[in-house]
Amino acid sequence: MTDLETLRSALREPPAEDFAEPDLGAIMTKGRRIRRRRRLATGGGGIAAAVVTVLVIVGAVALKGSSSEQQPLPPAASAPAPAPPSAPVPAPTVTEAPSERPFGEAIPLGVKGEDGRELVIHAFAIDEPQLPDVRFGLQVAYRNRAGDYDALLAANEFKGSDRSFGFHAVDGGDLIRGTFVPVFGYFSGPAARITSTVRGKPVEAKAVPWSEDPSIVIFWFDPGQVESPYVLTPLIAYDVRGQRLTK
């Protein structure tokens, strides 16, 4: 038996076990909440990885179908048939966060979008079985004149507890729908000041205790001083006596 015949025989063999159809609905539902993000943090690489994962799943299902039907391969001497024209594959898109009702009071950021609407940051409730110790996240949104909110970006903890000591959900530094979203996050602990440095220059965040739990301190930086969370080296929290809480 030649190598080509051996390959053909192997491809005709049915798989050792069936592949279950992927539950894409459950996967997408889980992914919408577990952001974050790091939505633009990984950039094109993250999107490419997601596309590759989907292709692998689809390929596995397609292989199962073709193997079970045992479709014969064309003779070795025949020329391959030209592939039929296919519609262009749409580029992957990144959607903004869904609008969530404020969990506690919304905090004005002192920044307005290009259309003049006020930017605020507020907590929102999370109830996900996959995240049993995460009960809230943060969202930056427009506050409309009618009193409702138009979400721009949300972030939440995705490992462990959302109230474990330290910094959580640090995000932002993105231009979304024509509006620059400031770098934001929260600190779990008795923080009175939050500072950092950007290229050796000290910067200080605006920090406000969360109305639902004062042990959670919501903070954000001036967009003119901090353009990305990745330029902060490092984030430092201090208590009311000026003692450093973090290394």
C-alpha atoms as a PDB file:
ATOM      1  CA  MET A   1       0.000   0.000   0.000  1.00  0.00           C
ATOM      2  CA  THR A   2       1.367   3.388  -0.965  1.00  0.00           C
ATOM      3  CA  ASP A   3       1.565   6.359   1.390  1.00  0.00           C
ATOM      4  CA  LEU A   4      -1.259   8.057  -0.532  1.00  0.00           C
ATOM      5  CA  GLU A   5      -3.515   5.002  -0.214  1.00  0.00           C
ATOM      6  CA  THR A   6      -2.723   4.793   3.513  1.00  0.00           C
ATOM      7  CA  LEU A   7      -3.721   8.449   3.935  1.00  0.00           C
ATOM      8  CA  ARG A   8      -6.968   7.912   2.030  1.00  0.00           C
ATOM      9  CA  SER A   9      -7.817   4.900   4.153  1.00  0.00           C
ATOM     10  CA  ALA A  10      -7.157   6.820   7.376  1.00  0.00           C
ATOM     11  CA  LEU A  11      -9.344   9.727   6.287  1.00  0.00           C
ATOM     12  CA  ARG A  12     -12.226   7.368   5.523  1.00  0.00           C
ATOM     13  CA  GLU A  13     -12.137   5.875   9.029  1.00  0.00           C
ATOM     14  CA  PRO A  14     -14.959   7.212  11.273  1.00  0.00           C
ATOM     15  CA  PRO A  15     -13.781   9.092  14.384  1.00  0.00           C
ATOM     16  CA  ALA A  16     -13.239   7.106  17.579  1.00  0.00           C
ATOM     17  CA  GLU A  17     -15.868   9.161  19.363  1.00  0.00           C
ATOM     18  CA  ASP A  18     -18.605  11.562  18.367  1.00  0.00           C
ATOM     19  CA  PHE A  19     -18.118  15.280  18.680  1.00  0.00           C
ATOM     20  CA  ALA A  20     -20.930  17.115  20.412  1.00  0.00           C
ATOM     21  CA  GLU A  21     -22.271  20.140  18.627  1.00  0.00           C
ATOM     22  CA  PRO A  22     -20.809  23.270  20.304  1.00  0.00           C
ATOM     23  CA  ASP A  23     -23.302  25.292  22.356  1.00  0.00           C
ATOM     24  CA  LEU A  24     -22.407  28.627  20.764  1.00  0.00           C
ATOM     25  CA  GLY A  25     -25.276  30.392  22.514  1.00  0.00           C
ATOM     26  CA  ALA A  26     -23.923  29.500  25.961  1.00  0.00           C
ATOM     27  CA  ILE A  27     -20.401  30.427  24.933  1.00  0.00           C
ATOM     28  CA  MET A  28     -21.483  33.874  23.704  1.00  0.00           C
ATOM     29  CA  THR A  29     -23.665  34.510  26.762  1.00  0.00           C
ATOM     30  CA  LYS A  30     -20.761  33.800  29.093  1.00  0.00           C
ATOM     31  CA  GLY A  31     -18.359  35.898  27.032  1.00  0.00           C
ATOM     32  CA  ARG A  32     -20.572  38.979  27.035  1.00  0.00           C
ATOM     33  CA  ARG A  33     -20.251  39.309  30.814  1.00  0.00           C
ATOM     34  CA  ILE A  34     -16.711  38.098  31.376  1.00  0.00           C
ATOM     35  CA  ARG A  35     -14.924  41.014  29.932  1.00  0.00           C
ATOM     36  CA  ARG A  36     -13.279  42.196  30.158  1.00  0.00           C
ATOM     37  CA  ARG A  37     -12.599  42.605  28.519  1.00  0.00           C
ATOM     38  CA  ARG A  38      -9.602  42.840  27.957  1.00  0.00           C
ATOM     39  CA  ARG A  39     -11.442  43.981  24.909  1.00  0.00           C
ATOM     40  CA  LEU A  40      -8.908  46.141  23.128  1.00  0.00           C
ATOM     41  CA  ALA A  41      -6.023  45.215  25.402  1.00  0.00           C
ATOM     42  CA  THR A  42      -5.205  42.230  23.217  1.00  0.00           C
ATOM     43  CA  GLY A  43      -6.076  44.107  20.026  1.00  0.00           C
ATOM     44  CA  GLY A  44      -6.103  42.235  16.759  1.00  0.00           C
ATOM     45  CA  GLY A  45      -4.306  39.267  18.307  1.00  0.00           C
ATOM     46  CA  GLY A  46      -7.228  38.574  20.637  1.00  0.00           C
ATOM     47  CA  ILE A  47      -9.706  38.778  17.790  1.00  0.00           C
ATOM     48  CA  ALA A  48      -7.564  36.500  15.638  1.00  0.00           C
ATOM     49  CA  ALA A  49      -7.360  33.948  18.454  1.00  0.00           C
ATOM     50  CA  ALA A  50     -11.146  33.937  18.766  1.00  0.00           C
ATOM     51  CA  VAL A  51     -11.552  33.431  15.030  1.00  0.00           C
ATOM     52  CA  VAL A  52      -9.084  30.529  15.066  1.00  0.00           C
ATOM     53  CA  THR A  53     -10.977  28.896  17.951  1.00  0.00           C
ATOM     54  CA  VAL A  54     -14.279  29.086  16.055  1.00  0.00           C
ATOM     55  CA  LEU A  55     -12.650  27.670  12.918  1.00  0.00           C
ATOM     56  CA  VAL A  56     -11.244  24.734  14.901  1.00  0.00           C
ATOM     57  CA  ILE A  57     -14.693  23.924  16.343  1.00  0.00           C
ATOM     58  CA  VAL A  58     -16.407  24.204  12.962  1.00  0.00           C
ATOM     59  CA  GLY A  59     -13.657  22.156  11.357  1.00  0.00           C
ATOM     60  CA  ALA A  60     -14.081  19.378  13.903  1.00  0.00           C
ATOM     61  CA  VAL A  61     -17.836  19.180  13.243  1.00  0.00           C
ATOM     62  CA  ALA A  62     -17.290  19.226   9.490  1.00  0.00           C
ATOM     63  CA  LEU A  63     -14.691  16.429   9.767  1.00  0.00           C
ATOM     64  CA  LYS A  64     -17.151  14.275  11.684  1.00  0.00           C
ATOM     65  CA  GLY A  65     -19.804  14.673   8.978  1.00  0.00           C
ATOM     66  CA  SER A  66     -17.490  13.971   6.071  1.00  0.00           C
ATOM     67  CA  SER A  67     -15.871  10.959   7.778  1.00  0.00           C
ATOM     68  CA  SER A  68     -19.163   9.303   8.733  1.00  0.00           C
ATOM     69  CA  GLU A  69     -20.439   9.569   5.163  1.00  0.00           C
ATOM     70  CA  GLN A  70     -17.167   8.094   3.867  1.00  0.00           C
ATOM     71  CA  GLN A  71     -17.067  10.211   0.745  1.00  0.00           C
ATOM     72  CA  PRO A  72     -14.424   8.886  -1.681  1.00  0.00           C
ATOM     73  CA  LEU A  73     -11.430  11.005  -2.528  1.00  0.00           C
ATOM     74  CA  PRO A  74     -10.803  11.872  -6.190  1.00  0.00           C
ATOM     75  CA  PRO A  75      -8.260   9.686  -8.014  1.00  0.00           C
ATOM     76  CA  ALA A  76      -4.659  10.697  -7.556  1.00  0.00           C
ATOM     77  CA  ALA A  77      -4.208  11.429 -11.258  1.00  0.00           C
ATOM     78  CA  SER A  78      -7.235  13.697 -11.584  1.00  0.00           C
ATOM     79  CA  ALA A  79      -6.857  17.446 -11.261  1.00  0.00           C
ATOM     80  CA  PRO A  80      -8.452  19.058  -8.211  1.00  0.00           C
ATOM     81  CA  ALA A  81     -11.831  20.588  -8.877  1.00  0.00           C
ATOM     82  CA  PRO A  82     -11.899  24.365  -8.666  1.00  0.00           C
ATOM     83  CA  ALA A  83     -13.384  25.663  -5.435  1.00  0.00           C
ATOM     84  CA  PRO A  84     -16.795  27.290  -5.872  1.00  0.00           C
ATOM     85  CA  PRO A  85     -16.912  31.036  -5.301  1.00  0.00           C
ATOM     86  CA  SER A  86     -17.821  31.922  -1.763  1.00  0.00           C
ATOM     87  CA  ALA A  87     -19.216  35.039  -0.193  1.00  0.00           C
ATOM     88  CA  PRO A  88     -16.658  37.219   1.596  1.00  0.00           C
ATOM     89  CA  VAL A  89     -16.320  36.444   5.289  1.00  0.00           C
ATOM     90  CA  PRO A  90     -17.335  39.483   7.365  1.00  0.00           C
ATOM     91  CA  ALA A  91     -14.655  40.884   9.629  1.00  0.00           C
ATOM     92  CA  PRO A  92     -15.117  40.156  13.366  1.00  0.00           C
ATOM     93  CA  THR A  93     -16.722  43.000  15.239  1.00  0.00           C
ATOM     94  CA  VAL A  94     -16.313  44.184  18.825  1.00  0.00           C
ATOM     95  CA  THR A  95     -19.464  45.386  20.498  1.00  0.00           C
ATOM     96  CA  GLU A  96     -19.698  47.833  23.359  1.00  0.00           C
ATOM     97  CA  ALA A  97     -21.002  46.789  26.734  1.00  0.00           C
ATOM     98  CA  PRO A  98     -24.742  46.322  27.207  1.00  0.00           C
ATOM     99  CA  SER A  99     -26.508  49.032  29.176  1.00  0.00           C
ATOM    100  CA  GLU A 100     -26.939  48.112  32.837  1.00  0.00           C
ATOM    101  CA  ARG A 101     -29.003  49.791  35.548  1.00  0.00           C
ATOM    102  CA  PRO A 102     -26.830  51.579  38.136  1.00  0.00           C
ATOM    103  CA  PHE A 103     -26.146  49.589  41.293  1.00  0.00           C
ATOM    104  CA  GLY A 104     -25.837  52.496  43.696  1.00  0.00           C
ATOM    105  CA  GLU A 105     -25.254  56.110  42.707  1.00  0.00           C
ATOM    106  CA  ALA A 106     -23.717  57.164  39.393  1.00  0.00           C
ATOM    107  CA  ILE A 107     -20.600  59.336  39.751  1.00  0.00           C
ATOM    108  CA  PRO A 108     -19.972  62.184  37.264  1.00  0.00           C
ATOM    109  CA  LEU A 109     -16.500  61.994  35.711  1.00  0.00           C
ATOM    110  CA  GLY A 110     -16.301  65.691  34.882  1.00  0.00           C
ATOM    111  CA  VAL A 111     -15.969  64.800  31.194  1.00  0.00           C
ATOM    112  CA  LYS A 112     -18.419  65.312  28.348  1.00  0.00           C
ATOM    113  CA  GLY A 113     -18.624  63.540  25.025  1.00  0.00           C
ATOM    114  CA  GLU A 114     -18.533  65.244  21.656  1.00  0.00           C
ATOM    115  CA  ASP A 115     -22.327  65.552  21.703  1.00  0.00           C
ATOM    116  CA  GLY A 116     -22.239  67.309  25.083  1.00  0.00           C
ATOM    117  CA  ARG A 117     -23.655  64.441  27.118  1.00  0.00           C
ATOM    118  CA  GLU A 118     -22.193  63.837  30.564  1.00  0.00           C
ATOM    119  CA  LEU A 119     -19.974  60.850  31.255  1.00  0.00           C
ATOM    120  CA  VAL A 120     -20.563  58.964  34.507  1.00  0.00           C
ATOM    121  CA  ILE A 121     -19.251  55.797  36.113  1.00  0.00           C
ATOM    122  CA  HIS A 122     -21.454  53.457  38.127  1.00  0.00           C
ATOM    123  CA  ALA A 123     -21.532  49.930  39.431  1.00  0.00           C
ATOM    124  CA  PHE A 124     -23.865  47.327  37.980  1.00  0.00           C
ATOM    125  CA  ALA A 125     -25.056  44.046  39.465  1.00  0.00           C
ATOM    126  CA  ILE A 126     -23.764  40.699  38.171  1.00  0.00           C
ATOM    127  CA  ASP A 127     -25.525  37.374  38.638  1.00  0.00           C
ATOM    128  CA  GLU A 128     -23.612  34.723  36.720  1.00  0.00           C
ATOM    129  CA  PRO A 129     -23.268  31.075  37.812  1.00  0.00           C
ATOM    130  CA  GLN A 130     -19.798  31.025  36.236  1.00  0.00           C
ATOM    131  CA  LEU A 131     -18.726  33.867  38.535  1.00  0.00           C
ATOM    132  CA  PRO A 132     -20.087  32.936  41.972  1.00  0.00           C
ATOM    133  CA  ASP A 133     -17.886  35.428  43.850  1.00  0.00           C
ATOM    134  CA  VAL A 134     -18.398  38.365  41.488  1.00  0.00           C
ATOM    135  CA  ARG A 135     -21.510  40.383  42.288  1.00  0.00           C
ATOM    136  CA  PHE A 136     -20.799  43.705  40.606  1.00  0.00           C
ATOM    137  CA  GLY A 137     -18.724  45.452  37.961  1.00  0.00           C
ATOM    138  CA  LEU A 138     -18.124  49.016  36.769  1.00  0.00           C
ATOM    139  CA  GLN A 139     -19.529  50.750  33.732  1.00  0.00           C
ATOM    140  CA  VAL A 140     -18.763  54.075  32.057  1.00  0.00           C
ATOM    141  CA  ALA A 141     -21.813  55.509  30.316  1.00  0.00           C
ATOM    142  CA  TYR A 142     -23.497  58.617  29.025  1.00  0.00           C
ATOM    143  CA  ARG A 143     -26.214  59.945  31.329  1.00  0.00           C
ATOM    144  CA  ASN A 144     -28.986  61.152  29.071  1.00  0.00           C
ATOM    145  CA  ARG A 145     -31.287  64.062  29.811  1.00  0.00           C
ATOM    146  CA  ALA A 146     -34.171  61.621  30.243  1.00  0.00           C
ATOM    147  CA  GLY A 147     -32.291  60.047  33.162  1.00  0.00           C
ATOM    148  CA  ASP A 148     -31.371  56.800  31.455  1.00  0.00           C
ATOM    149  CA  TYR A 149     -27.875  55.580  30.579  1.00  0.00           C
ATOM    150  CA  ASP A 150     -26.112  54.781  27.334  1.00  0.00           C
ATOM    151  CA  ALA A 151     -23.248  52.357  28.007  1.00  0.00           C
ATOM    152  CA  LEU A 152     -19.775  52.815  26.558  1.00  0.00           C
ATOM    153  CA  LEU A 153     -17.556  50.347  28.411  1.00  0.00           C
ATOM    154  CA  ALA A 154     -17.944  47.884  31.287  1.00  0.00           C
ATOM    155  CA  ALA A 155     -15.351  45.961  33.275  1.00  0.00           C
ATOM    156  CA  ASN A 156     -15.492  43.438  36.090  1.00  0.00           C
ATOM    157  CA  GLU A 157     -13.363  40.957  37.983  1.00  0.00           C
ATOM    158  CA  PHE A 158     -13.283  37.508  36.409  1.00  0.00           C
ATOM    159  CA  LYS A 159     -11.060  35.561  38.836  1.00  0.00           C
ATOM    160  CA  GLY A 160     -11.761  34.950  42.496  1.00  0.00           C
ATOM    161  CA  SER A 161     -13.739  37.448  44.543  1.00  0.00           C
ATOM    162  CA  ASP A 162     -14.696  40.951  43.459  1.00  0.00           C
ATOM    163  CA  ARG A 163     -14.068  42.150  47.037  1.00  0.00           C
ATOM    164  CA  SER A 164     -10.659  40.638  47.663  1.00  0.00           C
ATOM    165  CA  PHE A 165      -8.123  43.217  48.849  1.00  0.00           C
ATOM    166  CA  GLY A 166      -6.519  45.222  46.065  1.00  0.00           C
ATOM    167  CA  PHE A 167      -7.167  46.725  42.639  1.00  0.00           C
ATOM    168  CA  HIS A 168      -9.856  45.360  40.330  1.00  0.00           C
ATOM    169  CA  ALA A 169     -11.373  45.965  36.869  1.00  0.00           C
ATOM    170  CA  VAL A 170      -8.751  48.526  35.777  1.00  0.00           C
ATOM    171  CA  ASP A 171      -9.709  49.477  32.229  1.00  0.00           C
ATOM    172  CA  GLY A 172     -10.388  52.377  29.871  1.00  0.00           C
ATOM    173  CA  GLY A 173      -8.080  54.510  27.806  1.00  0.00           C
ATOM    174  CA  ASP A 174     -10.123  53.843  24.645  1.00  0.00           C
ATOM    175  CA  LEU A 175     -11.834  56.036  22.069  1.00  0.00           C
ATOM    176  CA  ILE A 176     -15.363  54.643  21.820  1.00  0.00           C
ATOM    177  CA  ARG A 177     -18.008  56.199  19.576  1.00  0.00           C
ATOM    178  CA  GLY A 178     -16.006  59.401  19.401  1.00  0.00           C
ATOM    179  CA  THR A 179     -15.574  59.711  23.182  1.00  0.00           C
ATOM    180  CA  PHE A 180     -12.376  58.996  25.112  1.00  0.00           C
ATOM    181  CA  VAL A 181     -13.150  56.783  28.114  1.00  0.00           C
ATOM    182  CA  PRO A 182     -10.814  57.632  31.024  1.00  0.00           C
ATOM    183  CA  VAL A 183      -8.776  54.937  32.741  1.00  0.00           C
ATOM    184  CA  PHE A 184     -10.838  53.671  35.685  1.00  0.00           C
ATOM    185  CA  GLY A 185     -11.136  50.863  38.201  1.00  0.00           C
ATOM    186  CA  TYR A 186     -11.838  50.203  41.850  1.00  0.00           C
ATOM    187  CA  PHE A 187      -9.902  49.328  44.982  1.00  0.00           C
ATOM    188  CA  SER A 188     -11.219  46.986  47.643  1.00  0.00           C
ATOM    189  CA  GLY A 189      -9.884  48.263  50.958  1.00  0.00           C
ATOM    190  CA  PRO A 190      -9.579  51.457  53.063  1.00  0.00           C
ATOM    191  CA  ALA A 191      -7.989  53.600  50.345  1.00  0.00           C
ATOM    192  CA  ALA A 192      -8.105  57.395  50.657  1.00  0.00           C
ATOM    193  CA  ARG A 193      -5.661  58.169  47.810  1.00  0.00           C
ATOM    194  CA  ILE A 194      -4.672  56.320  44.662  1.00  0.00           C
ATOM    195  CA  THR A 195      -1.572  57.392  42.764  1.00  0.00           C
ATOM    196  CA  SER A 196       0.814  56.181  40.095  1.00  0.00           C
ATOM    197  CA  THR A 197       3.476  57.462  37.715  1.00  0.00           C
ATOM    198  CA  VAL A 198       3.391  57.927  33.948  1.00  0.00           C
ATOM    199  CA  ARG A 199       6.839  57.957  32.371  1.00  0.00           C
ATOM    200  CA  GLY A 200       8.292  59.044  35.695  1.00  0.00           C
ATOM    201  CA  LYS A 201       5.730  61.791  36.349  1.00  0.00           C
ATOM    202  CA  PRO A 202       3.448  61.321  39.404  1.00  0.00           C
ATOM    203  CA  VAL A 203      -0.302  61.268  38.782  1.00  0.00           C
ATOM    204  CA  GLU A 204      -3.212  61.005  41.208  1.00  0.00           C
ATOM    205  CA  ALA A 205      -6.633  59.539  40.546  1.00  0.00           C
ATOM    206  CA  LYS A 206      -9.946  60.946  41.651  1.00  0.00           C
ATOM    207  CA  ALA A 207     -11.316  58.473  44.188  1.00  0.00           C
ATOM    208  CA  VAL A 208     -14.894  58.176  45.495  1.00  0.00           C
ATOM    209  CA  PRO A 209     -16.232  55.523  47.916  1.00  0.00           C
ATOM    210  CA  TRP A 210     -19.008  53.416  46.427  1.00  0.00           C
ATOM    211  CA  SER A 211     -22.417  54.421  47.779  1.00  0.00           C
ATOM    212  CA  GLU A 212     -23.379  50.767  48.344  1.00  0.00           C
ATOM    213  CA  ASP A 213     -20.174  49.811  50.186  1.00  0.00           C
ATOM    214  CA  PRO A 214     -17.661  52.488  51.306  1.00  0.00           C
ATOM    215  CA  SER A 215     -14.926  49.841  51.550  1.00  0.00           C
ATOM    216  CA  ILE A 216     -14.956  49.837  47.737  1.00  0.00           C
ATOM    217  CA  VAL A 217     -13.288  52.940  46.260  1.00  0.00           C
ATOM    218  CA  ILE A 218     -14.036  53.801  42.621  1.00  0.00           C
ATOM    219  CA  PHE A 219     -11.312  55.788  40.877  1.00  0.00           C
ATOM    220  CA  TRP A 220     -10.452  57.296  37.512  1.00  0.00           C
ATOM    221  CA  PHE A 221      -7.623  59.376  36.037  1.00  0.00           C
ATOM    222  CA  ASP A 222      -7.579  62.660  34.143  1.00  0.00           C
ATOM    223  CA  PRO A 223      -7.518  61.749  30.424  1.00  0.00           C
ATOM    224  CA  GLY A 224      -4.944  64.484  29.849  1.00  0.00           C
ATOM    225  CA  GLN A 225      -2.523  62.739  32.221  1.00  0.00           C
ATOM    226  CA  VAL A 226      -3.186  59.037  31.656  1.00  0.00           C
ATOM    227  CA  GLU A 227      -3.963  57.804  28.150  1.00  0.00           C
ATOM    228  CA  SER A 228      -3.868  54.068  28.874  1.00  0.00           C
ATOM    229  CA  PRO A 229      -3.853  51.703  31.872  1.00  0.00           C
ATOM    230  CA  TYR A 230      -0.600  50.234  30.574  1.00  0.00           C
ATOM    231  CA  VAL A 231       1.439  53.387  31.206  1.00  0.00           C
ATOM    232  CA  LEU A 232       0.731  53.303  34.968  1.00  0.00           C
ATOM    233  CA  THR A 233       3.791  52.046  36.857  1.00  0.00           C
ATOM    234  CA  PRO A 234       2.499  51.022  39.340  1.00  0.00           C
ATOM    235  CA  LEU A 235      -0.870  51.723  40.957  1.00  0.00           C
ATOM    236  CA  ILE A 236      -0.485  52.572  44.659  1.00  0.00           C
ATOM    237  CA  ALA A 237      -3.174  52.977  47.339  1.00  0.00           C
ATOM    238  CA  TYR A 238      -2.776  54.941  50.614  1.00  0.00           C
ATOM    239  CA  ASP A 239      -5.012  55.060  53.673  1.00  0.00           C
ATOM    240  CA  VAL A 240      -6.211  58.208  55.464  1.00  0.00           C
ATOM    241  CA  ARG A 241      -2.966  58.385  57.478  1.00  0.00           C
ATOM    242  CA  GLY A 242      -0.893  58.342  54.316  1.00  0.00           C
ATOM    243  CA  GLN A 243       0.363  54.812  54.893  1.00  0.00           C
ATOM    244  CA  ARG A 244       0.865  52.740  51.781  1.00  0.00           C
ATOM    245  CA  LEU A 245      -1.607  49.862  51.406  1.00  0.00           C
ATOM    246  CA  THR A 246      -0.043  48.168  48.392  1.00  0.00           C
ATOM    247  CA  LYS A 247       3.518  47.197  47.505  1.00  0.00           C
END
